[in-house]
Amino acid sequence: MFGSLGAPELLIILAIVVVLFGATRIGDIGKGIGRGIREFRRELKDGQEEDAQHAKDSSSLSSTALSEPKTEENKTLQQH
Protein backbone atom coordinates (compact mmCIF):
# COMPACT_ATOMS: atom_id res chain seq x y z
CA MET A 1 0.00 0.00 0.00
CA PHE A 2 2.68 2.52 1.02
CA GLY A 3 5.43 0.78 -0.95
CA SER A 4 4.80 2.93 -4.01
CA LEU A 5 5.25 6.20 -2.09
CA GLY A 6 8.63 7.79 -2.65
CA ALA A 7 10.44 10.58 -0.83
CA PRO A 8 8.76 13.44 -2.78
CA GLU A 9 5.29 12.10 -2.04
CA LEU A 10 6.07 11.68 1.66
CA LEU A 11 7.41 15.26 1.84
CA ILE A 12 4.23 16.58 0.24
CA ILE A 13 2.09 14.64 2.73
CA LEU A 14 4.22 15.96 5.62
CA ALA A 15 3.84 19.54 4.35
CA ILE A 16 0.06 19.15 4.14
CA VAL A 17 -0.09 17.78 7.69
CA VAL A 18 2.02 20.67 9.01
CA VAL A 19 -0.20 23.20 7.24
CA LEU A 20 -3.40 21.61 8.55
CA PHE A 21 -2.35 21.09 12.16
CA GLY A 22 0.57 23.47 12.70
CA ALA A 23 3.95 22.55 14.14
CA THR A 24 2.99 23.06 17.81
CA ARG A 25 -0.20 21.06 17.47
CA ILE A 26 1.74 18.14 15.92
CA GLY A 27 4.15 18.25 18.88
CA ASP A 28 1.24 18.13 21.32
CA ILE A 29 -0.31 15.21 19.46
CA GLY A 30 3.03 13.36 19.54
CA LYS A 31 3.38 13.98 23.29
CA GLY A 32 -0.12 12.71 23.92
CA ILE A 33 0.45 9.57 21.88
CA GLY A 34 3.77 8.91 23.62
CA ARG A 35 2.21 9.41 27.04
CA GLY A 36 -0.62 7.05 26.16
CA ILE A 37 1.78 4.35 24.96
CA ARG A 38 3.88 4.64 28.16
CA GLU A 39 0.75 4.42 30.32
CA PHE A 40 -0.48 1.39 28.39
CA ARG A 41 2.87 -0.41 28.74
CA ARG A 42 3.05 0.37 32.46
CA GLU A 43 -0.47 -0.95 33.09
CA LEU A 44 0.24 -4.03 30.99
CA LYS A 45 3.39 -4.75 33.00
CA ASP A 46 1.56 -4.20 36.31
CA GLY A 47 -1.23 -6.54 35.20
CA GLN A 48 1.23 -9.26 34.25
CA GLU A 49 3.01 -8.93 37.61
CA GLU A 50 -0.33 -9.16 39.46
CA ASP A 51 -1.29 -12.26 37.45
CA ALA A 52 2.04 -13.91 38.20
CA GLN A 53 1.72 -13.09 41.91
CA HIS A 54 -1.85 -14.38 41.98
CA ALA A 55 -0.82 -17.62 40.27
CA LYS A 56 2.07 -18.03 42.71
CA ASP A 57 -0.20 -17.41 45.71
CA SER A 58 -2.89 -19.79 44.51
CA SER A 59 -0.39 -22.57 43.78
CA SER A 60 1.20 -22.21 47.22
CA LEU A 61 -2.24 -22.22 48.84
CA SER A 62 -3.30 -25.38 47.02
CA SER A 63 -0.09 -27.20 47.95
CA THR A 64 -0.46 -26.08 51.58
CA ALA A 65 -4.08 -27.24 51.66
CA LEU A 66 -3.09 -30.66 50.36
CA SER A 67 -0.22 -31.13 52.80
CA GLU A 68 -1.94 -29.94 56.00
CA PRO A 69 -4.89 -31.89 57.43
CA LYS A 70 -8.00 -29.98 58.36
CA THR A 71 -7.70 -29.12 62.02
CA GLU A 72 -11.41 -28.75 62.79
CA GLU A 73 -12.19 -32.22 61.53
CA ASN A 74 -9.33 -33.66 63.56
CA LYS A 75 -10.54 -31.87 66.70
CA THR A 76 -14.10 -33.16 66.34
CA LEU A 77 -12.87 -36.69 65.68
CA GLN A 78 -10.61 -36.59 68.72
CA GLN A 79 -13.40 -35.32 70.98
CA HIS A 80 -15.72 -38.24 70.16
PDB file of N, CA and C in Angstrom:
ATOM      1  N   MET A   1       0.826  -1.185   0.000  1.00  0.00           N
ATOM      2  CA  MET A   1       0.000   0.000   0.000  1.00  0.00           C
ATOM      3  C   MET A   1       0.878   1.259   0.000  1.00  0.00           C
ATOM      4  N   PHE A   2       1.819   1.345   0.958  1.00  0.00           N
ATOM      5  CA  PHE A   2       2.681   2.517   1.016  1.00  0.00           C
ATOM      6  C   PHE A   2       4.005   2.286   0.299  1.00  0.00           C
ATOM      7  N   GLY A   3       4.187   1.102  -0.271  1.00  0.00           N
ATOM      8  CA  GLY A   3       5.430   0.780  -0.952  1.00  0.00           C
ATOM      9  C   GLY A   3       5.681   1.639  -2.178  1.00  0.00           C
ATOM     10  N   SER A   4       4.628   2.133  -2.801  1.00  0.00           N
ATOM     11  CA  SER A   4       4.803   2.927  -4.014  1.00  0.00           C
ATOM     12  C   SER A   4       5.049   4.405  -3.712  1.00  0.00           C
ATOM     13  N   LEU A   5       4.988   4.808  -2.445  1.00  0.00           N
ATOM     14  CA  LEU A   5       5.245   6.201  -2.088  1.00  0.00           C
ATOM     15  C   LEU A   5       6.746   6.437  -1.989  1.00  0.00           C
ATOM     16  N   GLY A   6       7.213   7.433  -2.694  1.00  0.00           N
ATOM     17  CA  GLY A   6       8.630   7.786  -2.649  1.00  0.00           C
ATOM     18  C   GLY A   6       8.853   8.971  -1.724  1.00  0.00           C
ATOM     19  N   ALA A   7      10.078   9.453  -1.694  1.00  0.00           N
ATOM     20  CA  ALA A   7      10.439  10.578  -0.834  1.00  0.00           C
ATOM     21  C   ALA A   7       9.664  11.855  -1.183  1.00  0.00           C
ATOM     22  N   PRO A   8       9.510  12.199  -2.472  1.00  0.00           N
ATOM     23  CA  PRO A   8       8.762  13.436  -2.779  1.00  0.00           C
ATOM     24  C   PRO A   8       7.304  13.383  -2.311  1.00  0.00           C
ATOM     25  N   GLU A   9       6.682  12.232  -2.475  1.00  0.00           N
ATOM     26  CA  GLU A   9       5.293  12.098  -2.044  1.00  0.00           C
ATOM     27  C   GLU A   9       5.165  12.233  -0.530  1.00  0.00           C
ATOM     28  N   LEU A  10       6.100  11.606   0.201  1.00  0.00           N
ATOM     29  CA  LEU A  10       6.067  11.685   1.662  1.00  0.00           C
ATOM     30  C   LEU A  10       6.301  13.113   2.146  1.00  0.00           C
ATOM     31  N   LEU A  11       7.181  13.855   1.475  1.00  0.00           N
ATOM     32  CA  LEU A  11       7.414  15.255   1.842  1.00  0.00           C
ATOM     33  C   LEU A  11       6.172  16.109   1.604  1.00  0.00           C
ATOM     34  N   ILE A  12       5.464  15.845   0.521  1.00  0.00           N
ATOM     35  CA  ILE A  12       4.226  16.582   0.240  1.00  0.00           C
ATOM     36  C   ILE A  12       3.183  16.284   1.313  1.00  0.00           C
ATOM     37  N   ILE A  13       3.050  15.019   1.685  1.00  0.00           N
ATOM     38  CA  ILE A  13       2.092  14.640   2.732  1.00  0.00           C
ATOM     39  C   ILE A  13       2.466  15.305   4.051  1.00  0.00           C
ATOM     40  N   LEU A  14       3.756  15.318   4.389  1.00  0.00           N
ATOM     41  CA  LEU A  14       4.220  15.958   5.619  1.00  0.00           C
ATOM     42  C   LEU A  14       3.917  17.451   5.601  1.00  0.00           C
ATOM     43  N   ALA A  15       4.130  18.105   4.459  1.00  0.00           N
ATOM     44  CA  ALA A  15       3.843  19.540   4.346  1.00  0.00           C
ATOM     45  C   ALA A  15       2.359  19.815   4.543  1.00  0.00           C
ATOM     46  N   ILE A  16       1.509  18.979   3.985  1.00  0.00           N
ATOM     47  CA  ILE A  16       0.061  19.154   4.140  1.00  0.00           C
ATOM     48  C   ILE A  16      -0.341  18.989   5.606  1.00  0.00           C
ATOM     49  N   VAL A  17       0.225  18.004   6.273  1.00  0.00           N
ATOM     50  CA  VAL A  17      -0.089  17.776   7.689  1.00  0.00           C
ATOM     51  C   VAL A  17       0.346  18.969   8.529  1.00  0.00           C
ATOM     52  N   VAL A  18       1.531  19.508   8.262  1.00  0.00           N
ATOM     53  CA  VAL A  18       2.021  20.674   9.013  1.00  0.00           C
ATOM     54  C   VAL A  18       1.123  21.879   8.772  1.00  0.00           C
ATOM     55  N   VAL A  19       0.677  22.074   7.548  1.00  0.00           N
ATOM     56  CA  VAL A  19      -0.202  23.205   7.242  1.00  0.00           C
ATOM     57  C   VAL A  19      -1.549  23.037   7.940  1.00  0.00           C
ATOM     58  N   LEU A  20      -2.088  21.838   7.934  1.00  0.00           N
ATOM     59  CA  LEU A  20      -3.395  21.611   8.549  1.00  0.00           C
ATOM     60  C   LEU A  20      -3.356  21.735  10.070  1.00  0.00           C
ATOM     61  N   PHE A  21      -2.370  21.142  10.703  1.00  0.00           N
ATOM     62  CA  PHE A  21      -2.348  21.089  12.164  1.00  0.00           C
ATOM     63  C   PHE A  21      -1.422  22.118  12.794  1.00  0.00           C
ATOM     64  N   GLY A  22      -0.406  22.556  12.119  1.00  0.00           N
ATOM     65  CA  GLY A  22       0.570  23.466  12.702  1.00  0.00           C
ATOM     66  C   GLY A  22       1.633  22.683  13.453  1.00  0.00           C
ATOM     67  N   ALA A  23       2.819  23.262  13.545  1.00  0.00           N
ATOM     68  CA  ALA A  23       3.952  22.552  14.145  1.00  0.00           C
ATOM     69  C   ALA A  23       3.733  22.293  15.631  1.00  0.00           C
ATOM     70  N   THR A  24       3.181  23.262  16.360  1.00  0.00           N
ATOM     71  CA  THR A  24       2.991  23.060  17.810  1.00  0.00           C
ATOM     72  C   THR A  24       1.917  22.021  18.080  1.00  0.00           C
ATOM     73  N   ARG A  25       0.887  22.033  17.288  1.00  0.00           N
ATOM     74  CA  ARG A  25      -0.198  21.056  17.470  1.00  0.00           C
ATOM     75  C   ARG A  25       0.309  19.637  17.206  1.00  0.00           C
ATOM     76  N   ILE A  26       1.163  19.456  16.218  1.00  0.00           N
ATOM     77  CA  ILE A  26       1.736  18.141  15.920  1.00  0.00           C
ATOM     78  C   ILE A  26       2.588  17.674  17.094  1.00  0.00           C
ATOM     79  N   GLY A  27       3.353  18.599  17.701  1.00  0.00           N
ATOM     80  CA  GLY A  27       4.148  18.252  18.876  1.00  0.00           C
ATOM     81  C   GLY A  27       3.275  17.808  20.041  1.00  0.00           C
ATOM     82  N   ASP A  28       2.159  18.512  20.247  1.00  0.00           N
ATOM     83  CA  ASP A  28       1.236  18.131  21.321  1.00  0.00           C
ATOM     84  C   ASP A  28       0.608  16.767  21.063  1.00  0.00           C
ATOM     85  N   ILE A  29       0.266  16.510  19.820  1.00  0.00           N
ATOM     86  CA  ILE A  29      -0.311  15.211  19.465  1.00  0.00           C
ATOM     87  C   ILE A  29       0.712  14.103  19.705  1.00  0.00           C
ATOM     88  N   GLY A  30       1.962  14.347  19.312  1.00  0.00           N
ATOM     89  CA  GLY A  30       3.030  13.362  19.537  1.00  0.00           C
ATOM     90  C   GLY A  30       3.248  13.087  21.014  1.00  0.00           C
ATOM     91  N   LYS A  31       3.230  14.156  21.833  1.00  0.00           N
ATOM     92  CA  LYS A  31       3.383  13.979  23.287  1.00  0.00           C
ATOM     93  C   LYS A  31       2.247  13.145  23.854  1.00  0.00           C
ATOM     94  N   GLY A  32       1.043  13.453  23.426  1.00  0.00           N
ATOM     95  CA  GLY A  32      -0.119  12.710  23.922  1.00  0.00           C
ATOM     96  C   GLY A  32      -0.067  11.242  23.541  1.00  0.00           C
ATOM     97  N   ILE A  33       0.333  10.965  22.324  1.00  0.00           N
ATOM     98  CA  ILE A  33       0.449   9.570  21.879  1.00  0.00           C
ATOM     99  C   ILE A  33       1.538   8.856  22.662  1.00  0.00           C
ATOM    100  N   GLY A  34       2.682   9.512  22.846  1.00  0.00           N
ATOM    101  CA  GLY A  34       3.775   8.908  23.618  1.00  0.00           C
ATOM    102  C   GLY A  34       3.378   8.638  25.055  1.00  0.00           C
ATOM    103  N   ARG A  35       2.676   9.577  25.670  1.00  0.00           N
ATOM    104  CA  ARG A  35       2.212   9.409  27.045  1.00  0.00           C
ATOM    105  C   ARG A  35       1.224   8.246  27.139  1.00  0.00           C
ATOM    106  N   GLY A  36       0.350   8.151  26.168  1.00  0.00           N
ATOM    107  CA  GLY A  36      -0.616   7.050  26.158  1.00  0.00           C
ATOM    108  C   GLY A  36       0.052   5.695  26.008  1.00  0.00           C
ATOM    109  N   ILE A  37       1.056   5.617  25.154  1.00  0.00           N
ATOM    110  CA  ILE A  37       1.782   4.354  24.959  1.00  0.00           C
ATOM    111  C   ILE A  37       2.516   3.962  26.237  1.00  0.00           C
ATOM    112  N   ARG A  38       3.176   4.939  26.892  1.00  0.00           N
ATOM    113  CA  ARG A  38       3.877   4.636  28.157  1.00  0.00           C
ATOM    114  C   ARG A  38       2.905   4.150  29.220  1.00  0.00           C
ATOM    115  N   GLU A  39       1.766   4.808  29.338  1.00  0.00           N
ATOM    116  CA  GLU A  39       0.750   4.416  30.321  1.00  0.00           C
ATOM    117  C   GLU A  39       0.250   3.001  30.035  1.00  0.00           C
ATOM    118  N   PHE A  40      -0.001   2.713  28.772  1.00  0.00           N
ATOM    119  CA  PHE A  40      -0.479   1.387  28.387  1.00  0.00           C
ATOM    120  C   PHE A  40       0.542   0.319  28.739  1.00  0.00           C
ATOM    121  N   ARG A  41       1.813   0.558  28.426  1.00  0.00           N
ATOM    122  CA  ARG A  41       2.868  -0.414  28.742  1.00  0.00           C
ATOM    123  C   ARG A  41       3.004  -0.617  30.246  1.00  0.00           C
ATOM    124  N   ARG A  42       2.934   0.472  31.005  1.00  0.00           N
ATOM    125  CA  ARG A  42       3.054   0.369  32.463  1.00  0.00           C
ATOM    126  C   ARG A  42       1.903  -0.459  33.045  1.00  0.00           C
ATOM    127  N   GLU A  43       0.683  -0.194  32.599  1.00  0.00           N
ATOM    128  CA  GLU A  43      -0.468  -0.950  33.088  1.00  0.00           C
ATOM    129  C   GLU A  43      -0.390  -2.410  32.666  1.00  0.00           C
ATOM    130  N   LEU A  44       0.083  -2.661  31.464  1.00  0.00           N
ATOM    131  CA  LEU A  44       0.238  -4.033  30.986  1.00  0.00           C
ATOM    132  C   LEU A  44       1.250  -4.782  31.841  1.00  0.00           C
ATOM    133  N   LYS A  45       2.355  -4.134  32.157  1.00  0.00           N
ATOM    134  CA  LYS A  45       3.388  -4.747  32.996  1.00  0.00           C
ATOM    135  C   LYS A  45       2.854  -5.004  34.406  1.00  0.00           C
ATOM    136  N   ASP A  46       2.130  -4.029  34.974  1.00  0.00           N
ATOM    137  CA  ASP A  46       1.558  -4.204  36.310  1.00  0.00           C
ATOM    138  C   ASP A  46       0.551  -5.350  36.326  1.00  0.00           C
ATOM    139  N   GLY A  47      -0.251  -5.454  35.283  1.00  0.00           N
ATOM    140  CA  GLY A  47      -1.227  -6.538  35.202  1.00  0.00           C
ATOM    141  C   GLY A  47      -0.571  -7.899  35.118  1.00  0.00           C
ATOM    142  N   GLN A  48       0.516  -7.991  34.357  1.00  0.00           N
ATOM    143  CA  GLN A  48       1.232  -9.264  34.248  1.00  0.00           C
ATOM    144  C   GLN A  48       1.868  -9.639  35.578  1.00  0.00           C
ATOM    145  N   GLU A  49       2.407  -8.650  36.307  1.00  0.00           N
ATOM    146  CA  GLU A  49       3.006  -8.932  37.611  1.00  0.00           C
ATOM    147  C   GLU A  49       1.943  -9.389  38.606  1.00  0.00           C
ATOM    148  N   GLU A  50       0.758  -8.756  38.569  1.00  0.00           N
ATOM    149  CA  GLU A  50      -0.331  -9.163  39.457  1.00  0.00           C
ATOM    150  C   GLU A  50      -0.792 -10.582  39.135  1.00  0.00           C
ATOM    151  N   ASP A  51      -0.890 -10.906  37.845  1.00  0.00           N
ATOM    152  CA  ASP A  51      -1.292 -12.256  37.452  1.00  0.00           C
ATOM    153  C   ASP A  51      -0.281 -13.289  37.916  1.00  0.00           C
ATOM    154  N   ALA A  52       0.997 -12.978  37.774  1.00  0.00           N
ATOM    155  CA  ALA A  52       2.041 -13.909  38.202  1.00  0.00           C
ATOM    156  C   ALA A  52       2.005 -14.094  39.713  1.00  0.00           C
ATOM    157  N   GLN A  53       1.796 -13.007  40.448  1.00  0.00           N
ATOM    158  CA  GLN A  53       1.724 -13.092  41.911  1.00  0.00           C
ATOM    159  C   GLN A  53       0.492 -13.884  42.329  1.00  0.00           C
ATOM    160  N   HIS A  54      -0.623 -13.654  41.660  1.00  0.00           N
ATOM    161  CA  HIS A  54      -1.853 -14.378  41.984  1.00  0.00           C
ATOM    162  C   HIS A  54      -1.685 -15.871  41.710  1.00  0.00           C
ATOM    163  N   ALA A  55      -1.056 -16.209  40.602  1.00  0.00           N
ATOM    164  CA  ALA A  55      -0.824 -17.621  40.273  1.00  0.00           C
ATOM    165  C   ALA A  55       0.114 -18.257  41.294  1.00  0.00           C
ATOM    166  N   LYS A  56       1.118 -17.519  41.717  1.00  0.00           N
ATOM    167  CA  LYS A  56       2.067 -18.029  42.710  1.00  0.00           C
ATOM    168  C   LYS A  56       1.363 -18.251  44.046  1.00  0.00           C
ATOM    169  N   ASP A  57       0.531 -17.286  44.450  1.00  0.00           N
ATOM    170  CA  ASP A  57      -0.197 -17.405  45.711  1.00  0.00           C
ATOM    171  C   ASP A  57      -1.179 -18.570  45.683  1.00  0.00           C
ATOM    172  N   SER A  58      -1.899 -18.720  44.584  1.00  0.00           N
ATOM    173  CA  SER A  58      -2.893 -19.792  44.511  1.00  0.00           C
ATOM    174  C   SER A  58      -2.227 -21.161  44.463  1.00  0.00           C
ATOM    175  N   SER A  59      -1.070 -21.271  43.816  1.00  0.00           N
ATOM    176  CA  SER A  59      -0.388 -22.566  43.778  1.00  0.00           C
ATOM    177  C   SER A  59       0.186 -22.910  45.140  1.00  0.00           C
ATOM    178  N   SER A  60       0.679 -21.919  45.881  1.00  0.00           N
ATOM    179  CA  SER A  60       1.204 -22.206  47.218  1.00  0.00           C
ATOM    180  C   SER A  60       0.067 -22.534  48.175  1.00  0.00           C
ATOM    181  N   LEU A  61      -1.096 -21.913  47.990  1.00  0.00           N
ATOM    182  CA  LEU A  61      -2.241 -22.223  48.843  1.00  0.00           C
ATOM    183  C   LEU A  61      -2.748 -23.636  48.584  1.00  0.00           C
ATOM    184  N   SER A  62      -2.796 -24.043  47.331  1.00  0.00           N
ATOM    185  CA  SER A  62      -3.295 -25.380  47.024  1.00  0.00           C
ATOM    186  C   SER A  62      -2.332 -26.446  47.520  1.00  0.00           C
ATOM    187  N   SER A  63      -1.038 -26.209  47.442  1.00  0.00           N
ATOM    188  CA  SER A  63      -0.086 -27.197  47.949  1.00  0.00           C
ATOM    189  C   SER A  63      -0.120 -27.239  49.467  1.00  0.00           C
ATOM    190  N   THR A  64      -0.349 -26.114  50.126  1.00  0.00           N
ATOM    191  CA  THR A  64      -0.464 -26.081  51.580  1.00  0.00           C
ATOM    192  C   THR A  64      -1.735 -26.798  52.016  1.00  0.00           C
ATOM    193  N   ALA A  65      -2.814 -26.596  51.296  1.00  0.00           N
ATOM    194  CA  ALA A  65      -4.077 -27.237  51.656  1.00  0.00           C
ATOM    195  C   ALA A  65      -3.984 -28.748  51.507  1.00  0.00           C
ATOM    196  N   LEU A  66      -3.230 -29.223  50.550  1.00  0.00           N
ATOM    197  CA  LEU A  66      -3.091 -30.660  50.360  1.00  0.00           C
ATOM    198  C   LEU A  66      -2.178 -31.289  51.409  1.00  0.00           C
ATOM    199  N   SER A  67      -1.190 -30.549  51.874  1.00  0.00           N
ATOM    200  CA  SER A  67      -0.224 -31.134  52.801  1.00  0.00           C
ATOM    201  C   SER A  67      -0.674 -31.053  54.254  1.00  0.00           C
ATOM    202  N   GLU A  68      -1.499 -30.079  54.613  1.00  0.00           N
ATOM    203  CA  GLU A  68      -1.943 -29.936  55.996  1.00  0.00           C
ATOM    204  C   GLU A  68      -3.340 -30.533  56.161  1.00  0.00           C
ATOM    205  N   PRO A  69      -3.551 -31.367  57.180  1.00  0.00           N
ATOM    206  CA  PRO A  69      -4.890 -31.890  57.429  1.00  0.00           C
ATOM    207  C   PRO A  69      -5.782 -30.797  58.004  1.00  0.00           C
ATOM    208  N   LYS A  70      -7.059 -30.957  57.850  1.00  0.00           N
ATOM    209  CA  LYS A  70      -8.004 -29.979  58.364  1.00  0.00           C
ATOM    210  C   LYS A  70      -8.071 -30.123  59.876  1.00  0.00           C
ATOM    211  N   THR A  71      -7.803 -29.061  60.564  1.00  0.00           N
ATOM    212  CA  THR A  71      -7.698 -29.120  62.022  1.00  0.00           C
ATOM    213  C   THR A  71      -9.059 -29.256  62.690  1.00  0.00           C
ATOM    214  N   GLU A  72     -10.097 -28.652  62.167  1.00  0.00           N
ATOM    215  CA  GLU A  72     -11.413 -28.746  62.789  1.00  0.00           C
ATOM    216  C   GLU A  72     -11.937 -30.177  62.736  1.00  0.00           C
ATOM    217  N   GLU A  73     -11.736 -30.837  61.628  1.00  0.00           N
ATOM    218  CA  GLU A  73     -12.188 -32.224  61.526  1.00  0.00           C
ATOM    219  C   GLU A  73     -11.416 -33.103  62.493  1.00  0.00           C
ATOM    220  N   ASN A  74     -10.133 -32.873  62.626  1.00  0.00           N
ATOM    221  CA  ASN A  74      -9.327 -33.658  63.559  1.00  0.00           C
ATOM    222  C   ASN A  74      -9.764 -33.414  64.996  1.00  0.00           C
ATOM    223  N   LYS A  75     -10.103 -32.182  65.344  1.00  0.00           N
ATOM    224  CA  LYS A  75     -10.540 -31.871  66.705  1.00  0.00           C
ATOM    225  C   LYS A  75     -11.859 -32.558  67.018  1.00  0.00           C
ATOM    226  N   THR A  76     -12.801 -32.531  66.075  1.00  0.00           N
ATOM    227  CA  THR A  76     -14.096 -33.157  66.342  1.00  0.00           C
ATOM    228  C   THR A  76     -13.960 -34.672  66.412  1.00  0.00           C
ATOM    229  N   LEU A  77     -13.083 -35.243  65.618  1.00  0.00           N
ATOM    230  CA  LEU A  77     -12.873 -36.686  65.675  1.00  0.00           C
ATOM    231  C   LEU A  77     -12.202 -37.092  66.985  1.00  0.00           C
ATOM    232  N   GLN A  78     -11.298 -36.271  67.477  1.00  0.00           N
ATOM    233  CA  GLN A  78     -10.605 -36.587  68.716  1.00  0.00           C
ATOM    234  C   GLN A  78     -11.516 -36.423  69.919  1.00  0.00           C
ATOM    235  N   GLN A  79     -12.489 -35.540  69.859  1.00  0.00           N
ATOM    236  CA  GLN A  79     -13.400 -35.321  70.979  1.00  0.00           C
ATOM    237  C   GLN A  79     -14.378 -36.477  71.126  1.00  0.00           C
ATOM    238  N   HIS A  80     -14.731 -37.168  70.091  1.00  0.00           N
ATOM    239  CA  HIS A  80     -15.723 -38.243  70.164  1.00  0.00           C
ATOM    240  C   HIS A  80     -15.071 -39.492  70.490  1.00  0.00           C
TER     241      HIS A  80
END
